[in-house]
Amino acid sequence: MKILSIHRYSPNFSNVCELPDGMDVNFYQMLPLYEDEMKYKVEHGAEALLEKFKETYPNGEFGVLDIKRKSVVSTRNEN
């Protein structure tokens, strides 16, 4: 399993929080990837892979770890 680190995606939350002293805190999330998802990312770029996640999880719920989730790029629907 591979990991992709991205700014946290959610239509409901910001990925940056400004502290009272003016410093910014950036929120990232780690997405476990299947081999075919990593291959897709290498061939098409991280943004294209994130679009696949957004199509599959339009509410931004792909940040919740689901050990049974299917690949977002696999046509075989393997776990």
N, C-alpha and C. Protein backbone atom coordinates (compact mmCIF):
# COMPACT_ATOMS: atom_id res chain seq x y z
N MET A 1 0.84 -1.17 0.00
CA MET A 1 0.00 0.00 0.00
C MET A 1 0.89 1.24 0.00
N LYS A 2 0.53 2.21 -0.80
CA LYS A 2 1.24 3.48 -0.88
C LYS A 2 0.43 4.56 -0.17
N ILE A 3 1.06 5.69 0.10
CA ILE A 3 0.40 6.79 0.79
C ILE A 3 0.55 8.08 -0.03
N LEU A 4 -0.51 8.84 -0.12
CA LEU A 4 -0.49 10.14 -0.77
C LEU A 4 -0.81 11.19 0.29
N SER A 5 0.04 12.18 0.43
CA SER A 5 -0.17 13.27 1.38
C SER A 5 -0.71 14.47 0.62
N ILE A 6 -1.85 14.96 1.06
CA ILE A 6 -2.48 16.11 0.39
C ILE A 6 -3.00 17.07 1.43
N HIS A 7 -3.25 18.32 0.99
CA HIS A 7 -3.99 19.23 1.85
C HIS A 7 -5.35 18.58 2.07
N ARG A 8 -5.86 18.71 3.25
CA ARG A 8 -7.14 18.11 3.58
C ARG A 8 -8.20 18.65 2.63
N TYR A 9 -8.96 17.73 1.99
CA TYR A 9 -10.04 18.16 1.10
C TYR A 9 -11.37 17.97 1.79
N SER A 10 -12.14 18.99 1.84
CA SER A 10 -13.51 18.90 2.29
C SER A 10 -14.21 20.17 1.85
N PRO A 11 -15.40 20.04 1.29
CA PRO A 11 -16.12 21.26 0.91
C PRO A 11 -16.59 22.05 2.13
N ASN A 12 -16.53 21.44 3.31
CA ASN A 12 -17.06 22.08 4.51
C ASN A 12 -15.99 22.67 5.43
N PHE A 13 -14.72 22.39 5.17
CA PHE A 13 -13.65 22.83 6.07
C PHE A 13 -12.51 23.45 5.29
N SER A 14 -11.82 24.37 5.93
CA SER A 14 -10.62 24.97 5.36
C SER A 14 -9.42 24.08 5.68
N ASN A 15 -8.41 24.10 4.82
CA ASN A 15 -7.21 23.31 5.10
C ASN A 15 -6.13 24.14 5.78
N VAL A 16 -6.43 25.41 6.08
CA VAL A 16 -5.48 26.27 6.78
C VAL A 16 -6.22 26.99 7.91
N CYS A 17 -5.58 27.06 9.05
CA CYS A 17 -6.15 27.77 10.20
C CYS A 17 -5.14 28.83 10.63
N GLU A 18 -5.58 30.07 10.68
CA GLU A 18 -4.69 31.13 11.14
C GLU A 18 -4.80 31.26 12.66
N LEU A 19 -3.66 31.20 13.32
CA LEU A 19 -3.61 31.33 14.76
C LEU A 19 -3.67 32.80 15.18
N PRO A 20 -4.00 33.08 16.42
CA PRO A 20 -4.07 34.48 16.87
C PRO A 20 -2.78 35.27 16.65
N ASP A 21 -1.63 34.59 16.66
CA ASP A 21 -0.37 35.30 16.45
C ASP A 21 -0.03 35.49 14.97
N GLY A 22 -0.96 35.08 14.07
CA GLY A 22 -0.76 35.27 12.64
C GLY A 22 -0.13 34.08 11.93
N MET A 23 0.36 33.11 12.68
CA MET A 23 0.95 31.89 12.08
C MET A 23 -0.17 31.03 11.49
N ASP A 24 0.15 30.33 10.42
CA ASP A 24 -0.81 29.42 9.80
C ASP A 24 -0.50 27.98 10.17
N VAL A 25 -1.54 27.21 10.39
CA VAL A 25 -1.43 25.77 10.57
C VAL A 25 -2.07 25.13 9.35
N ASN A 26 -1.31 24.31 8.63
CA ASN A 26 -1.82 23.59 7.47
C ASN A 26 -2.23 22.19 7.87
N PHE A 27 -3.41 21.78 7.43
CA PHE A 27 -3.90 20.44 7.72
C PHE A 27 -3.71 19.56 6.49
N TYR A 28 -3.11 18.41 6.70
CA TYR A 28 -2.89 17.44 5.64
C TYR A 28 -3.60 16.15 6.01
N GLN A 29 -3.89 15.38 5.02
CA GLN A 29 -4.40 14.05 5.29
C GLN A 29 -3.58 13.05 4.49
N MET A 30 -3.51 11.86 5.01
CA MET A 30 -2.77 10.79 4.36
C MET A 30 -3.80 9.82 3.78
N LEU A 31 -3.70 9.58 2.50
CA LEU A 31 -4.61 8.64 1.86
C LEU A 31 -3.87 7.36 1.50
N PRO A 32 -4.26 6.24 2.06
CA PRO A 32 -3.66 4.98 1.64
C PRO A 32 -4.11 4.69 0.20
N LEU A 33 -3.18 4.32 -0.65
CA LEU A 33 -3.48 4.06 -2.06
C LEU A 33 -3.21 2.61 -2.42
N TYR A 34 -4.05 2.09 -3.28
CA TYR A 34 -3.79 0.79 -3.89
C TYR A 34 -2.75 0.98 -5.00
N GLU A 35 -2.13 -0.11 -5.40
CA GLU A 35 -1.10 -0.04 -6.45
C GLU A 35 -1.64 0.61 -7.73
N ASP A 36 -2.87 0.26 -8.14
CA ASP A 36 -3.41 0.83 -9.37
C ASP A 36 -3.68 2.33 -9.22
N GLU A 37 -4.02 2.78 -8.02
CA GLU A 37 -4.22 4.21 -7.78
C GLU A 37 -2.89 4.96 -7.86
N MET A 38 -1.83 4.38 -7.32
CA MET A 38 -0.51 5.01 -7.41
C MET A 38 -0.05 5.08 -8.86
N LYS A 39 -0.29 4.00 -9.60
CA LYS A 39 0.09 3.99 -11.02
C LYS A 39 -0.68 5.08 -11.77
N TYR A 40 -1.96 5.22 -11.48
CA TYR A 40 -2.78 6.26 -12.11
C TYR A 40 -2.22 7.64 -11.76
N LYS A 41 -1.84 7.84 -10.49
CA LYS A 41 -1.27 9.12 -10.06
C LYS A 41 0.02 9.45 -10.81
N VAL A 42 0.88 8.44 -10.97
CA VAL A 42 2.15 8.65 -11.68
C VAL A 42 1.88 9.00 -13.15
N GLU A 43 0.92 8.32 -13.76
CA GLU A 43 0.62 8.52 -15.18
C GLU A 43 -0.18 9.79 -15.47
N HIS A 44 -1.08 10.16 -14.54
CA HIS A 44 -2.01 11.27 -14.81
C HIS A 44 -1.87 12.45 -13.87
N GLY A 45 -1.12 12.29 -12.78
CA GLY A 45 -0.93 13.37 -11.81
C GLY A 45 -1.85 13.23 -10.61
N ALA A 46 -1.42 13.85 -9.51
CA ALA A 46 -2.16 13.76 -8.25
C ALA A 46 -3.54 14.41 -8.35
N GLU A 47 -3.64 15.52 -9.08
CA GLU A 47 -4.94 16.19 -9.21
C GLU A 47 -5.96 15.30 -9.90
N ALA A 48 -5.53 14.57 -10.93
CA ALA A 48 -6.45 13.66 -11.63
C ALA A 48 -6.91 12.54 -10.70
N LEU A 49 -6.01 12.03 -9.88
CA LEU A 49 -6.39 11.00 -8.93
C LEU A 49 -7.36 11.57 -7.89
N LEU A 50 -7.10 12.78 -7.41
CA LEU A 50 -8.01 13.40 -6.44
C LEU A 50 -9.39 13.63 -7.04
N GLU A 51 -9.45 13.93 -8.33
CA GLU A 51 -10.75 14.06 -9.00
C GLU A 51 -11.51 12.73 -8.96
N LYS A 52 -10.78 11.62 -9.14
CA LYS A 52 -11.41 10.29 -9.03
C LYS A 52 -11.99 10.08 -7.64
N PHE A 53 -11.24 10.49 -6.61
CA PHE A 53 -11.74 10.38 -5.25
C PHE A 53 -12.98 11.26 -5.07
N LYS A 54 -12.94 12.48 -5.59
CA LYS A 54 -14.07 13.40 -5.45
C LYS A 54 -15.31 12.89 -6.18
N GLU A 55 -15.11 12.23 -7.34
CA GLU A 55 -16.24 11.64 -8.07
C GLU A 55 -16.85 10.50 -7.28
N THR A 56 -16.00 9.71 -6.65
CA THR A 56 -16.47 8.54 -5.90
C THR A 56 -17.06 8.95 -4.55
N TYR A 57 -16.48 9.97 -3.93
CA TYR A 57 -16.92 10.46 -2.62
C TYR A 57 -17.23 11.96 -2.71
N PRO A 58 -18.35 12.34 -3.32
CA PRO A 58 -18.63 13.76 -3.55
C PRO A 58 -18.80 14.60 -2.28
N ASN A 59 -19.06 13.98 -1.15
CA ASN A 59 -19.21 14.72 0.09
C ASN A 59 -17.89 14.92 0.81
N GLY A 60 -16.77 14.53 0.18
CA GLY A 60 -15.47 14.70 0.79
C GLY A 60 -15.17 13.69 1.87
N GLU A 61 -15.89 12.58 1.89
CA GLU A 61 -15.75 11.58 2.94
C GLU A 61 -14.61 10.59 2.70
N PHE A 62 -13.80 10.81 1.67
CA PHE A 62 -12.73 9.85 1.41
C PHE A 62 -11.59 9.97 2.40
N GLY A 63 -11.65 10.97 3.26
CA GLY A 63 -10.64 11.10 4.30
C GLY A 63 -10.86 10.16 5.46
N VAL A 64 -12.06 9.58 5.52
CA VAL A 64 -12.35 8.62 6.58
C VAL A 64 -11.79 7.27 6.14
N LEU A 65 -10.95 6.70 6.99
CA LEU A 65 -10.31 5.44 6.64
C LEU A 65 -11.33 4.32 6.60
N ASP A 66 -11.44 3.68 5.46
CA ASP A 66 -12.34 2.55 5.27
C ASP A 66 -11.49 1.39 4.78
N ILE A 67 -11.24 0.42 5.64
CA ILE A 67 -10.36 -0.68 5.26
C ILE A 67 -10.96 -1.56 4.18
N LYS A 68 -12.22 -1.38 3.88
CA LYS A 68 -12.88 -2.17 2.83
C LYS A 68 -13.17 -1.37 1.58
N ARG A 69 -12.64 -0.15 1.50
CA ARG A 69 -12.95 0.67 0.32
C ARG A 69 -12.36 0.05 -0.94
N LYS A 70 -13.03 0.26 -2.04
CA LYS A 70 -12.56 -0.24 -3.32
C LYS A 70 -11.70 0.84 -3.99
N SER A 71 -10.84 0.41 -4.87
CA SER A 71 -10.01 1.36 -5.62
C SER A 71 -10.90 2.29 -6.42
N VAL A 72 -10.52 3.56 -6.48
CA VAL A 72 -11.30 4.54 -7.24
C VAL A 72 -10.97 4.49 -8.73
N VAL A 73 -9.95 3.74 -9.12
CA VAL A 73 -9.60 3.66 -10.53
C VAL A 73 -9.74 2.25 -11.11
N SER A 74 -9.96 1.27 -10.27
CA SER A 74 -10.03 -0.11 -10.72
C SER A 74 -11.39 -0.42 -11.33
N THR A 75 -11.39 -1.05 -12.48
CA THR A 75 -12.63 -1.49 -13.09
C THR A 75 -13.02 -2.87 -12.58
N ARG A 76 -12.10 -3.51 -11.86
CA ARG A 76 -12.35 -4.85 -11.32
C ARG A 76 -12.96 -4.80 -9.93
N ASN A 77 -13.02 -3.59 -9.31
CA ASN A 77 -13.58 -3.40 -7.98
C ASN A 77 -12.94 -4.31 -6.94
N GLU A 78 -11.61 -4.40 -6.98
CA GLU A 78 -10.89 -5.21 -6.00
C GLU A 78 -10.69 -4.41 -4.74
N ASN A 79 -10.52 -5.10 -3.62
CA ASN A 79 -10.17 -4.46 -2.36
C ASN A 79 -8.68 -4.43 -2.25
